[in-house]
Amino acid sequence: MDVVVGQEDDGRHARLRPGHRLRVELDGDHRPVTVSDAALLEPLRITGGYATGQPMIAVLTAISPGEVLVSSSTDFECLHDTMPCALPQAEWALSVTVAAD
């Protein structure tokens, strides 16, 4: 079973079983997702995101039971200028339980 999450799922919780996949779809201004424990939830493919102009899409597979956090944040080109802009950065996070049952 695949679970698909997006911007609106910030702060929510997802439940997977080993072998299930999680697909994260975020705007193109998000950095690639990070996973707090890749031994539990393994990234298979991450495309797009900040600096590409394309939506950030990550596909992860649940490996072992446990709790894991998937997160990302926005980034903008002007934040890296000599005189950085004042655009606010947004954090995005999803807690995931990989359950054996």
PDB file of N, CA and C in Angstrom:
ATOM      1  N   MET A   1       0.842  -1.186   0.000  1.00  0.00           N
ATOM      2  CA  MET A   1       0.000   0.000   0.000  1.00  0.00           C
ATOM      3  C   MET A   1       0.880   1.240   0.000  1.00  0.00           C
ATOM      4  N   ASP A   2       0.587   2.185  -0.846  1.00  0.00           N
ATOM      5  CA  ASP A   2       1.322   3.436  -0.896  1.00  0.00           C
ATOM      6  C   ASP A   2       0.532   4.522  -0.180  1.00  0.00           C
ATOM      7  N   VAL A   3       1.259   5.392   0.519  1.00  0.00           N
ATOM      8  CA  VAL A   3       0.671   6.551   1.182  1.00  0.00           C
ATOM      9  C   VAL A   3       1.269   7.783   0.518  1.00  0.00           C
ATOM     10  N   VAL A   4       0.418   8.716   0.126  1.00  0.00           N
ATOM     11  CA  VAL A   4       0.882   9.952  -0.510  1.00  0.00           C
ATOM     12  C   VAL A   4       0.567  11.110   0.425  1.00  0.00           C
ATOM     13  N   VAL A   5       1.580  11.942   0.692  1.00  0.00           N
ATOM     14  CA  VAL A   5       1.400  13.113   1.550  1.00  0.00           C
ATOM     15  C   VAL A   5       1.929  14.347   0.831  1.00  0.00           C
ATOM     16  N   GLY A   6       1.447  15.525   1.280  1.00  0.00           N
ATOM     17  CA  GLY A   6       1.866  16.777   0.666  1.00  0.00           C
ATOM     18  C   GLY A   6       1.914  17.908   1.663  1.00  0.00           C
ATOM     19  N   GLN A   7       1.895  19.142   1.152  1.00  0.00           N
ATOM     20  CA  GLN A   7       1.992  20.353   1.985  1.00  0.00           C
ATOM     21  C   GLN A   7       1.005  20.320   3.150  1.00  0.00           C
ATOM     22  N   GLU A   8      -0.223  19.905   2.861  1.00  0.00           N
ATOM     23  CA  GLU A   8      -1.294  19.936   3.855  1.00  0.00           C
ATOM     24  C   GLU A   8      -1.096  18.918   4.981  1.00  0.00           C
ATOM     25  N   ASP A   9      -0.141  18.038   4.849  1.00  0.00           N
ATOM     26  CA  ASP A   9       0.091  17.009   5.865  1.00  0.00           C
ATOM     27  C   ASP A   9       1.178  17.386   6.871  1.00  0.00           C
ATOM     28  N   ASP A  10       1.648  18.614   6.812  1.00  0.00           N
ATOM     29  CA  ASP A  10       2.650  19.095   7.768  1.00  0.00           C
ATOM     30  C   ASP A  10       2.145  18.881   9.202  1.00  0.00           C
ATOM     31  N   GLY A  11       2.964  18.275  10.035  1.00  0.00           N
ATOM     32  CA  GLY A  11       2.624  18.050  11.429  1.00  0.00           C
ATOM     33  C   GLY A  11       1.771  16.819  11.676  1.00  0.00           C
ATOM     34  N   ARG A  12       1.410  16.126  10.638  1.00  0.00           N
ATOM     35  CA  ARG A  12       0.555  14.945  10.794  1.00  0.00           C
ATOM     36  C   ARG A  12       1.373  13.681  11.027  1.00  0.00           C
ATOM     37  N   HIS A  13       0.662  12.565  11.085  1.00  0.00           N
ATOM     38  CA  HIS A  13       1.265  11.258  11.361  1.00  0.00           C
ATOM     39  C   HIS A  13       0.805  10.269  10.294  1.00  0.00           C
ATOM     40  N   ALA A  14       1.720   9.421   9.847  1.00  0.00           N
ATOM     41  CA  ALA A  14       1.383   8.359   8.891  1.00  0.00           C
ATOM     42  C   ALA A  14       1.809   7.022   9.485  1.00  0.00           C
ATOM     43  N   ARG A  15       1.086   5.986   9.126  1.00  0.00           N
ATOM     44  CA  ARG A  15       1.388   4.639   9.607  1.00  0.00           C
ATOM     45  C   ARG A  15       1.616   3.733   8.393  1.00  0.00           C
ATOM     46  N   LEU A  16       2.746   3.051   8.399  1.00  0.00           N
ATOM     47  CA  LEU A  16       3.102   2.149   7.311  1.00  0.00           C
ATOM     48  C   LEU A  16       3.474   0.787   7.885  1.00  0.00           C
ATOM     49  N   ARG A  17       3.503  -0.199   7.030  1.00  0.00           N
ATOM     50  CA  ARG A  17       4.033  -1.517   7.380  1.00  0.00           C
ATOM     51  C   ARG A  17       5.283  -1.742   6.542  1.00  0.00           C
ATOM     52  N   PRO A  18       6.197  -2.570   6.989  1.00  0.00           N
ATOM     53  CA  PRO A  18       7.378  -2.863   6.167  1.00  0.00           C
ATOM     54  C   PRO A  18       6.967  -3.260   4.749  1.00  0.00           C
ATOM     55  N   GLY A  19       7.662  -2.686   3.781  1.00  0.00           N
ATOM     56  CA  GLY A  19       7.366  -2.928   2.376  1.00  0.00           C
ATOM     57  C   GLY A  19       6.470  -1.881   1.752  1.00  0.00           C
ATOM     58  N   HIS A  20       5.728  -1.144   2.565  1.00  0.00           N
ATOM     59  CA  HIS A  20       4.881  -0.072   2.042  1.00  0.00           C
ATOM     60  C   HIS A  20       5.746   1.120   1.649  1.00  0.00           C
ATOM     61  N   ARG A  21       5.206   1.921   0.752  1.00  0.00           N
ATOM     62  CA  ARG A  21       5.936   3.103   0.286  1.00  0.00           C
ATOM     63  C   ARG A  21       5.234   4.377   0.715  1.00  0.00           C
ATOM     64  N   LEU A  22       6.055   5.391   0.967  1.00  0.00           N
ATOM     65  CA  LEU A  22       5.582   6.729   1.282  1.00  0.00           C
ATOM     66  C   LEU A  22       6.043   7.642   0.156  1.00  0.00           C
ATOM     67  N   ARG A  23       5.108   8.395  -0.415  1.00  0.00           N
ATOM     68  CA  ARG A  23       5.444   9.372  -1.460  1.00  0.00           C
ATOM     69  C   ARG A  23       5.158  10.755  -0.892  1.00  0.00           C
ATOM     70  N   VAL A  24       6.185  11.598  -0.884  1.00  0.00           N
ATOM     71  CA  VAL A  24       6.067  12.970  -0.381  1.00  0.00           C
ATOM     72  C   VAL A  24       6.119  13.906  -1.583  1.00  0.00           C
ATOM     73  N   GLU A  25       5.103  14.767  -1.700  1.00  0.00           N
ATOM     74  CA  GLU A  25       5.030  15.724  -2.799  1.00  0.00           C
ATOM     75  C   GLU A  25       4.952  17.135  -2.218  1.00  0.00           C
ATOM     76  N   LEU A  26       6.026  17.914  -2.404  1.00  0.00           N
ATOM     77  CA  LEU A  26       6.088  19.283  -1.887  1.00  0.00           C
ATOM     78  C   LEU A  26       6.411  20.250  -3.018  1.00  0.00           C
ATOM     79  N   ASP A  27       6.194  21.528  -2.770  1.00  0.00           N
ATOM     80  CA  ASP A  27       6.492  22.558  -3.766  1.00  0.00           C
ATOM     81  C   ASP A  27       7.975  22.561  -4.138  1.00  0.00           C
ATOM     82  N   GLY A  28       8.259  23.156  -5.285  1.00  0.00           N
ATOM     83  CA  GLY A  28       9.623  23.225  -5.797  1.00  0.00           C
ATOM     84  C   GLY A  28      10.570  24.075  -4.982  1.00  0.00           C
ATOM     85  N   ASP A  29      10.061  24.837  -4.012  1.00  0.00           N
ATOM     86  CA  ASP A  29      10.969  25.632  -3.180  1.00  0.00           C
ATOM     87  C   ASP A  29      11.391  24.881  -1.915  1.00  0.00           C
ATOM     88  N   HIS A  30      11.016  23.610  -1.794  1.00  0.00           N
ATOM     89  CA  HIS A  30      11.442  22.792  -0.654  1.00  0.00           C
ATOM     90  C   HIS A  30      12.746  22.056  -0.960  1.00  0.00           C
ATOM     91  N   ARG A  31      13.567  21.929   0.060  1.00  0.00           N
ATOM     92  CA  ARG A  31      14.776  21.117  -0.050  1.00  0.00           C
ATOM     93  C   ARG A  31      14.362  19.645  -0.053  1.00  0.00           C
ATOM     94  N   PRO A  32      15.204  18.750  -0.571  1.00  0.00           N
ATOM     95  CA  PRO A  32      14.898  17.322  -0.495  1.00  0.00           C
ATOM     96  C   PRO A  32      14.654  16.903   0.958  1.00  0.00           C
ATOM     97  N   VAL A  33      13.745  15.957   1.149  1.00  0.00           N
ATOM     98  CA  VAL A  33      13.429  15.515   2.509  1.00  0.00           C
ATOM     99  C   VAL A  33      14.624  14.827   3.159  1.00  0.00           C
ATOM    100  N   THR A  34      14.639  14.903   4.492  1.00  0.00           N
ATOM    101  CA  THR A  34      15.594  14.132   5.278  1.00  0.00           C
ATOM    102  C   THR A  34      14.790  13.176   6.140  1.00  0.00           C
ATOM    103  N   VAL A  35      15.411  12.058   6.480  1.00  0.00           N
ATOM    104  CA  VAL A  35      14.767  11.009   7.266  1.00  0.00           C
ATOM    105  C   VAL A  35      15.622  10.777   8.503  1.00  0.00           C
ATOM    106  N   SER A  36      14.981  10.773   9.678  1.00  0.00           N
ATOM    107  CA  SER A  36      15.749  10.650  10.922  1.00  0.00           C
ATOM    108  C   SER A  36      16.399   9.283  11.093  1.00  0.00           C
ATOM    109  N   ASP A  37      15.879   8.244  10.437  1.00  0.00           N
ATOM    110  CA  ASP A  37      16.482   6.912  10.538  1.00  0.00           C
ATOM    111  C   ASP A  37      16.221   6.148   9.244  1.00  0.00           C
ATOM    112  N   ALA A  38      17.202   6.158   8.344  1.00  0.00           N
ATOM    113  CA  ALA A  38      17.060   5.497   7.042  1.00  0.00           C
ATOM    114  C   ALA A  38      17.019   3.978   7.159  1.00  0.00           C
ATOM    115  N   ALA A  39      17.340   3.431   8.332  1.00  0.00           N
ATOM    116  CA  ALA A  39      17.229   1.984   8.531  1.00  0.00           C
ATOM    117  C   ALA A  39      15.762   1.583   8.699  1.00  0.00           C
ATOM    118  N   LEU A  40      14.907   2.552   9.046  1.00  0.00           N
ATOM    119  CA  LEU A  40      13.477   2.286   9.204  1.00  0.00           C
ATOM    120  C   LEU A  40      12.685   2.682   7.965  1.00  0.00           C
ATOM    121  N   LEU A  41      13.064   3.794   7.362  1.00  0.00           N
ATOM    122  CA  LEU A  41      12.378   4.332   6.190  1.00  0.00           C
ATOM    123  C   LEU A  41      13.444   4.756   5.186  1.00  0.00           C
ATOM    124  N   GLU A  42      13.635   3.949   4.179  1.00  0.00           N
ATOM    125  CA  GLU A  42      14.738   4.143   3.236  1.00  0.00           C
ATOM    126  C   GLU A  42      14.321   4.975   2.023  1.00  0.00           C
ATOM    127  N   PRO A  43      15.039   6.075   1.762  1.00  0.00           N
ATOM    128  CA  PRO A  43      14.756   6.858   0.552  1.00  0.00           C
ATOM    129  C   PRO A  43      15.128   6.052  -0.700  1.00  0.00           C
ATOM    130  N   LEU A  44      14.184   5.952  -1.625  1.00  0.00           N
ATOM    131  CA  LEU A  44      14.447   5.257  -2.892  1.00  0.00           C
ATOM    132  C   LEU A  44      14.782   6.244  -3.993  1.00  0.00           C
ATOM    133  N   ARG A  45      13.993   7.340  -4.048  1.00  0.00           N
ATOM    134  CA  ARG A  45      14.181   8.312  -5.118  1.00  0.00           C
ATOM    135  C   ARG A  45      13.718   9.672  -4.616  1.00  0.00           C
ATOM    136  N   ILE A  46      14.539  10.676  -4.844  1.00  0.00           N
ATOM    137  CA  ILE A  46      14.171  12.050  -4.505  1.00  0.00           C
ATOM    138  C   ILE A  46      14.508  12.915  -5.714  1.00  0.00           C
ATOM    139  N   THR A  47      13.502  13.630  -6.226  1.00  0.00           N
ATOM    140  CA  THR A  47      13.719  14.467  -7.399  1.00  0.00           C
ATOM    141  C   THR A  47      13.162  15.865  -7.153  1.00  0.00           C
ATOM    142  N   GLY A  48      13.654  16.815  -7.935  1.00  0.00           N
ATOM    143  CA  GLY A  48      13.160  18.185  -7.878  1.00  0.00           C
ATOM    144  C   GLY A  48      13.549  18.900  -6.605  1.00  0.00           C
ATOM    145  N   GLY A  49      12.749  19.893  -6.255  1.00  0.00           N
ATOM    146  CA  GLY A  49      13.013  20.677  -5.063  1.00  0.00           C
ATOM    147  C   GLY A  49      13.832  21.913  -5.338  1.00  0.00           C
ATOM    148  N   TYR A  50      14.239  22.564  -4.249  1.00  0.00           N
ATOM    149  CA  TYR A  50      14.948  23.841  -4.331  1.00  0.00           C
ATOM    150  C   TYR A  50      16.054  23.820  -5.383  1.00  0.00           C
ATOM    151  N   ALA A  51      16.079  24.879  -6.121  1.00  0.00           N
ATOM    152  CA  ALA A  51      17.054  25.195  -7.165  1.00  0.00           C
ATOM    153  C   ALA A  51      16.757  24.500  -8.486  1.00  0.00           C
ATOM    154  N   THR A  52      15.794  23.566  -8.538  1.00  0.00           N
ATOM    155  CA  THR A  52      15.462  22.923  -9.810  1.00  0.00           C
ATOM    156  C   THR A  52      14.244  23.544 -10.468  1.00  0.00           C
ATOM    157  N   GLY A  53      13.394  24.202  -9.674  1.00  0.00           N
ATOM    158  CA  GLY A  53      12.160  24.752 -10.201  1.00  0.00           C
ATOM    159  C   GLY A  53      11.068  23.709 -10.389  1.00  0.00           C
ATOM    160  N   GLN A  54      11.340  22.488 -10.000  1.00  0.00           N
ATOM    161  CA  GLN A  54      10.381  21.393 -10.129  1.00  0.00           C
ATOM    162  C   GLN A  54       9.859  20.990  -8.758  1.00  0.00           C
ATOM    163  N   PRO A  55       8.648  20.440  -8.680  1.00  0.00           N
ATOM    164  CA  PRO A  55       8.147  19.955  -7.389  1.00  0.00           C
ATOM    165  C   PRO A  55       9.119  18.938  -6.788  1.00  0.00           C
ATOM    166  N   MET A  56       9.227  18.946  -5.459  1.00  0.00           N
ATOM    167  CA  MET A  56      10.080  17.987  -4.768  1.00  0.00           C
ATOM    168  C   MET A  56       9.244  16.733  -4.523  1.00  0.00           C
ATOM    169  N   ILE A  57       9.685  15.631  -5.088  1.00  0.00           N
ATOM    170  CA  ILE A  57       8.990  14.356  -4.918  1.00  0.00           C
ATOM    171  C   ILE A  57       9.984  13.341  -4.370  1.00  0.00           C
ATOM    172  N   ALA A  58       9.592  12.718  -3.260  1.00  0.00           N
ATOM    173  CA  ALA A  58      10.432  11.695  -2.638  1.00  0.00           C
ATOM    174  C   ALA A  58       9.614  10.422  -2.483  1.00  0.00           C
ATOM    175  N   VAL A  59      10.236   9.295  -2.787  1.00  0.00           N
ATOM    176  CA  VAL A  59       9.617   7.992  -2.583  1.00  0.00           C
ATOM    177  C   VAL A  59      10.493   7.234  -1.600  1.00  0.00           C
ATOM    178  N   LEU A  60       9.883   6.789  -0.502  1.00  0.00           N
ATOM    179  CA  LEU A  60      10.603   6.094   0.555  1.00  0.00           C
ATOM    180  C   LEU A  60       9.920   4.757   0.831  1.00  0.00           C
ATOM    181  N   THR A  61      10.695   3.759   1.235  1.00  0.00           N
ATOM    182  CA  THR A  61      10.141   2.447   1.553  1.00  0.00           C
ATOM    183  C   THR A  61      10.321   2.145   3.025  1.00  0.00           C
ATOM    184  N   ALA A  62       9.249   1.677   3.658  1.00  0.00           N
ATOM    185  CA  ALA A  62       9.304   1.273   5.062  1.00  0.00           C
ATOM    186  C   ALA A  62      10.088  -0.043   5.150  1.00  0.00           C
ATOM    187  N   ILE A  63      11.085  -0.081   6.033  1.00  0.00           N
ATOM    188  CA  ILE A  63      11.962  -1.248   6.152  1.00  0.00           C
ATOM    189  C   ILE A  63      11.706  -2.028   7.436  1.00  0.00           C
ATOM    190  N   SER A  64      11.814  -1.352   8.573  1.00  0.00           N
ATOM    191  CA  SER A  64      11.732  -2.011   9.874  1.00  0.00           C
ATOM    192  C   SER A  64      10.808  -1.238  10.803  1.00  0.00           C
ATOM    193  N   PRO A  65      10.183  -1.922  11.776  1.00  0.00           N
ATOM    194  CA  PRO A  65       9.312  -1.239  12.733  1.00  0.00           C
ATOM    195  C   PRO A  65      10.045  -0.184  13.557  1.00  0.00           C
ATOM    196  N   GLY A  66       9.336   0.893  13.837  1.00  0.00           N
ATOM    197  CA  GLY A  66       9.880   1.969  14.659  1.00  0.00           C
ATOM    198  C   GLY A  66       9.244   3.299  14.312  1.00  0.00           C
ATOM    199  N   GLU A  67       9.755   4.363  14.932  1.00  0.00           N
ATOM    200  CA  GLU A  67       9.271   5.735  14.719  1.00  0.00           C
ATOM    201  C   GLU A  67      10.340   6.521  13.968  1.00  0.00           C
ATOM    202  N   VAL A  68       9.916   7.298  12.997  1.00  0.00           N
ATOM    203  CA  VAL A  68      10.853   8.066  12.187  1.00  0.00           C
ATOM    204  C   VAL A  68      10.220   9.417  11.834  1.00  0.00           C
ATOM    205  N   LEU A  69      11.050  10.419  11.626  1.00  0.00           N
ATOM    206  CA  LEU A  69      10.592  11.743  11.243  1.00  0.00           C
ATOM    207  C   LEU A  69      11.107  12.052   9.842  1.00  0.00           C
ATOM    208  N   VAL A  70      10.191  12.493   8.977  1.00  0.00           N
ATOM    209  CA  VAL A  70      10.538  12.934   7.627  1.00  0.00           C
ATOM    210  C   VAL A  70      10.343  14.442   7.620  1.00  0.00           C
ATOM    211  N   SER A  71      11.355  15.182   7.157  1.00  0.00           N
ATOM    212  CA  SER A  71      11.241  16.638   7.225  1.00  0.00           C
ATOM    213  C   SER A  71      11.883  17.320   6.020  1.00  0.00           C
ATOM    214  N   SER A  72      11.507  18.579   5.843  1.00  0.00           N
ATOM    215  CA  SER A  72      12.057  19.418   4.788  1.00  0.00           C
ATOM    216  C   SER A  72      11.857  20.869   5.203  1.00  0.00           C
ATOM    217  N   SER A  73      12.480  21.763   4.487  1.00  0.00           N
ATOM    218  CA  SER A  73      12.267  23.190   4.698  1.00  0.00           C
ATOM    219  C   SER A  73      12.400  23.893   3.351  1.00  0.00           C
ATOM    220  N   THR A  74      11.827  25.074   3.278  1.00  0.00           N
ATOM    221  CA  THR A  74      11.927  25.840   2.041  1.00  0.00           C
ATOM    222  C   THR A  74      13.281  26.532   1.963  1.00  0.00           C
ATOM    223  N   ASP A  75      13.636  26.896   0.753  1.00  0.00           N
ATOM    224  CA  ASP A  75      14.864  27.649   0.513  1.00  0.00           C
ATOM    225  C   ASP A  75      14.620  28.491  -0.733  1.00  0.00           C
ATOM    226  N   PHE A  76      15.274  29.620  -0.800  1.00  0.00           N
ATOM    227  CA  PHE A  76      15.091  30.523  -1.926  1.00  0.00           C
ATOM    228  C   PHE A  76      16.448  31.066  -2.342  1.00  0.00           C
ATOM    229  N   GLU A  77      16.630  31.263  -3.617  1.00  0.00           N
ATOM    230  CA  GLU A  77      17.893  31.742  -4.170  1.00  0.00           C
ATOM    231  C   GLU A  77      18.345  33.048  -3.499  1.00  0.00           C
ATOM    232  N   CYS A  78      17.393  33.952  -3.260  1.00  0.00           N
ATOM    233  CA  CYS A  78      17.755  35.254  -2.697  1.00  0.00           C
ATOM    234  C   CYS A  78      18.312  35.144  -1.268  1.00  0.00           C
ATOM    235  N   LEU A  79      18.059  34.034  -0.583  1.00  0.00           N
ATOM    236  CA  LEU A  79      18.626  33.853   0.767  1.00  0.00           C
ATOM    237  C   LEU A  79      20.132  33.632   0.726  1.00  0.00           C
ATOM    238  N   HIS A  80      20.666  33.323  -0.457  1.00  0.00           N
ATOM    239  CA  HIS A  80      22.089  33.042  -0.604  1.00  0.00           C
ATOM    240  C   HIS A  80      22.855  34.204  -1.229  1.00  0.00           C
ATOM    241  N   ASP A  81      22.161  35.318  -1.448  1.00  0.00           N
ATOM    242  CA  ASP A  81      22.799  36.513  -2.004  1.00  0.00           C
ATOM    243  C   ASP A  81      23.693  37.172  -0.959  1.00  0.00           C
ATOM    244  N   THR A  82      24.581  38.066  -1.407  1.00  0.00           N
ATOM    245  CA  THR A  82      25.434  38.825  -0.502  1.00  0.00           C
ATOM    246  C   THR A  82      24.595  39.603   0.498  1.00  0.00           C
ATOM    247  N   MET A  83      23.504  40.180   0.004  1.00  0.00           N
ATOM    248  CA  MET A  83      22.539  40.850   0.878  1.00  0.00           C
ATOM    249  C   MET A  83      21.261  40.011   0.836  1.00  0.00           C
ATOM    250  N   PRO A  84      21.125  39.030   1.725  1.00  0.00           N
ATOM    251  CA  PRO A  84      19.991  38.100   1.675  1.00  0.00           C
ATOM    252  C   PRO A  84      18.635  38.795   1.799  1.00  0.00           C
ATOM    253  N   CYS A  85      17.650  38.203   1.140  1.00  0.00           N
ATOM    254  CA  CYS A  85      16.288  38.714   1.234  1.00  0.00           C
ATOM    255  C   CYS A  85      15.683  38.298   2.581  1.00  0.00           C
ATOM    256  N   ALA A  86      14.506  38.786   2.843  1.00  0.00           N
ATOM    257  CA  ALA A  86      13.867  38.513   4.139  1.00  0.00           C
ATOM    258  C   ALA A  86      12.711  37.514   4.018  1.00  0.00           C
ATOM    259  N   LEU A  87      12.729  36.701   2.984  1.00  0.00           N
ATOM    260  CA  LEU A  87      11.650  35.716   2.837  1.00  0.00           C
ATOM    261  C   LEU A  87      11.681  34.723   3.996  1.00  0.00           C
ATOM    262  N   PRO A  88      10.545  34.453   4.594  1.00  0.00           N
ATOM    263  CA  PRO A  88      10.525  33.484   5.686  1.00  0.00           C
ATOM    264  C   PRO A  88      10.649  32.062   5.146  1.00  0.00           C
ATOM    265  N   GLN A  89      11.349  31.231   5.884  1.00  0.00           N
ATOM    266  CA  GLN A  89      11.474  29.827   5.512  1.00  0.00           C
ATOM    267  C   GLN A  89      10.436  29.018   6.288  1.00  0.00           C
ATOM    268  N   ALA A  90       9.869  28.029   5.635  1.00  0.00           N
ATOM    269  CA  ALA A  90       8.853  27.193   6.261  1.00  0.00           C
ATOM    270  C   ALA A  90       9.413  25.794   6.491  1.00  0.00           C
ATOM    271  N   GLU A  91       9.119  25.248   7.654  1.00  0.00           N
ATOM    272  CA  GLU A  91       9.506  23.873   7.982  1.00  0.00           C
ATOM    273  C   GLU A  91       8.330  22.959   7.673  1.00  0.00           C
ATOM    274  N   TRP A  92       8.620  21.746   7.244  1.00  0.00           N
ATOM    275  CA  TRP A  92       7.597  20.732   6.999  1.00  0.00           C
ATOM    276  C   TRP A  92       8.063  19.437   7.647  1.00  0.00           C
ATOM    277  N   ALA A  93       7.170  18.753   8.368  1.00  0.00           N
ATOM    278  CA  ALA A  93       7.554  17.500   9.023  1.00  0.00           C
ATOM    279  C   ALA A  93       6.367  16.545   9.092  1.00  0.00           C
ATOM    280  N   LEU A  94       6.679  15.276   9.038  1.00  0.00           N
ATOM    281  CA  LEU A  94       5.691  14.209   9.136  1.00  0.00           C
ATOM    282  C   LEU A  94       6.281  13.118  10.014  1.00  0.00           C
ATOM    283  N   SER A  95       5.560  12.728  11.061  1.00  0.00           N
ATOM    284  CA  SER A  95       6.028  11.596  11.868  1.00  0.00           C
ATOM    285  C   SER A  95       5.452  10.330  11.243  1.00  0.00           C
ATOM    286  N   VAL A  96       6.258   9.283  11.238  1.00  0.00           N
ATOM    287  CA  VAL A  96       5.856   8.024  10.610  1.00  0.00           C
ATOM    288  C   VAL A  96       6.097   6.881  11.578  1.00  0.00           C
ATOM    289  N   THR A  97       5.102   6.039  11.721  1.00  0.00           N
ATOM    290  CA  THR A  97       5.261   4.794  12.478  1.00  0.00           C
ATOM    291  C   THR A  97       5.303   3.659  11.477  1.00  0.00           C
ATOM    292  N   VAL A  98       6.379   2.895  11.535  1.00  0.00           N
ATOM    293  CA  VAL A  98       6.447   1.659  10.749  1.00  0.00           C
ATOM    294  C   VAL A  98       6.096   0.557  11.727  1.00  0.00           C
ATOM    295  N   ALA A  99       4.952  -0.089  11.497  1.00  0.00           N
ATOM    296  CA  ALA A  99       4.427  -1.082  12.438  1.00  0.00           C
ATOM    297  C   ALA A  99       4.471  -2.480  11.826  1.00  0.00           C
ATOM    298  N   ALA A 100       4.858  -3.437  12.643  1.00  0.00           N
ATOM    299  CA  ALA A 100       4.942  -4.820  12.184  1.00  0.00           C
ATOM    300  C   ALA A 100       3.564  -5.424  11.986  1.00  0.00           C
ATOM    301  N   ASP A 101       2.557  -4.931  12.726  1.00  0.00           N
ATOM    302  CA  ASP A 101       1.207  -5.533  12.630  1.00  0.00           C
ATOM    303  C   ASP A 101       0.287  -4.766  11.730  1.00  0.00           C
TER     304      ASP A 101
END
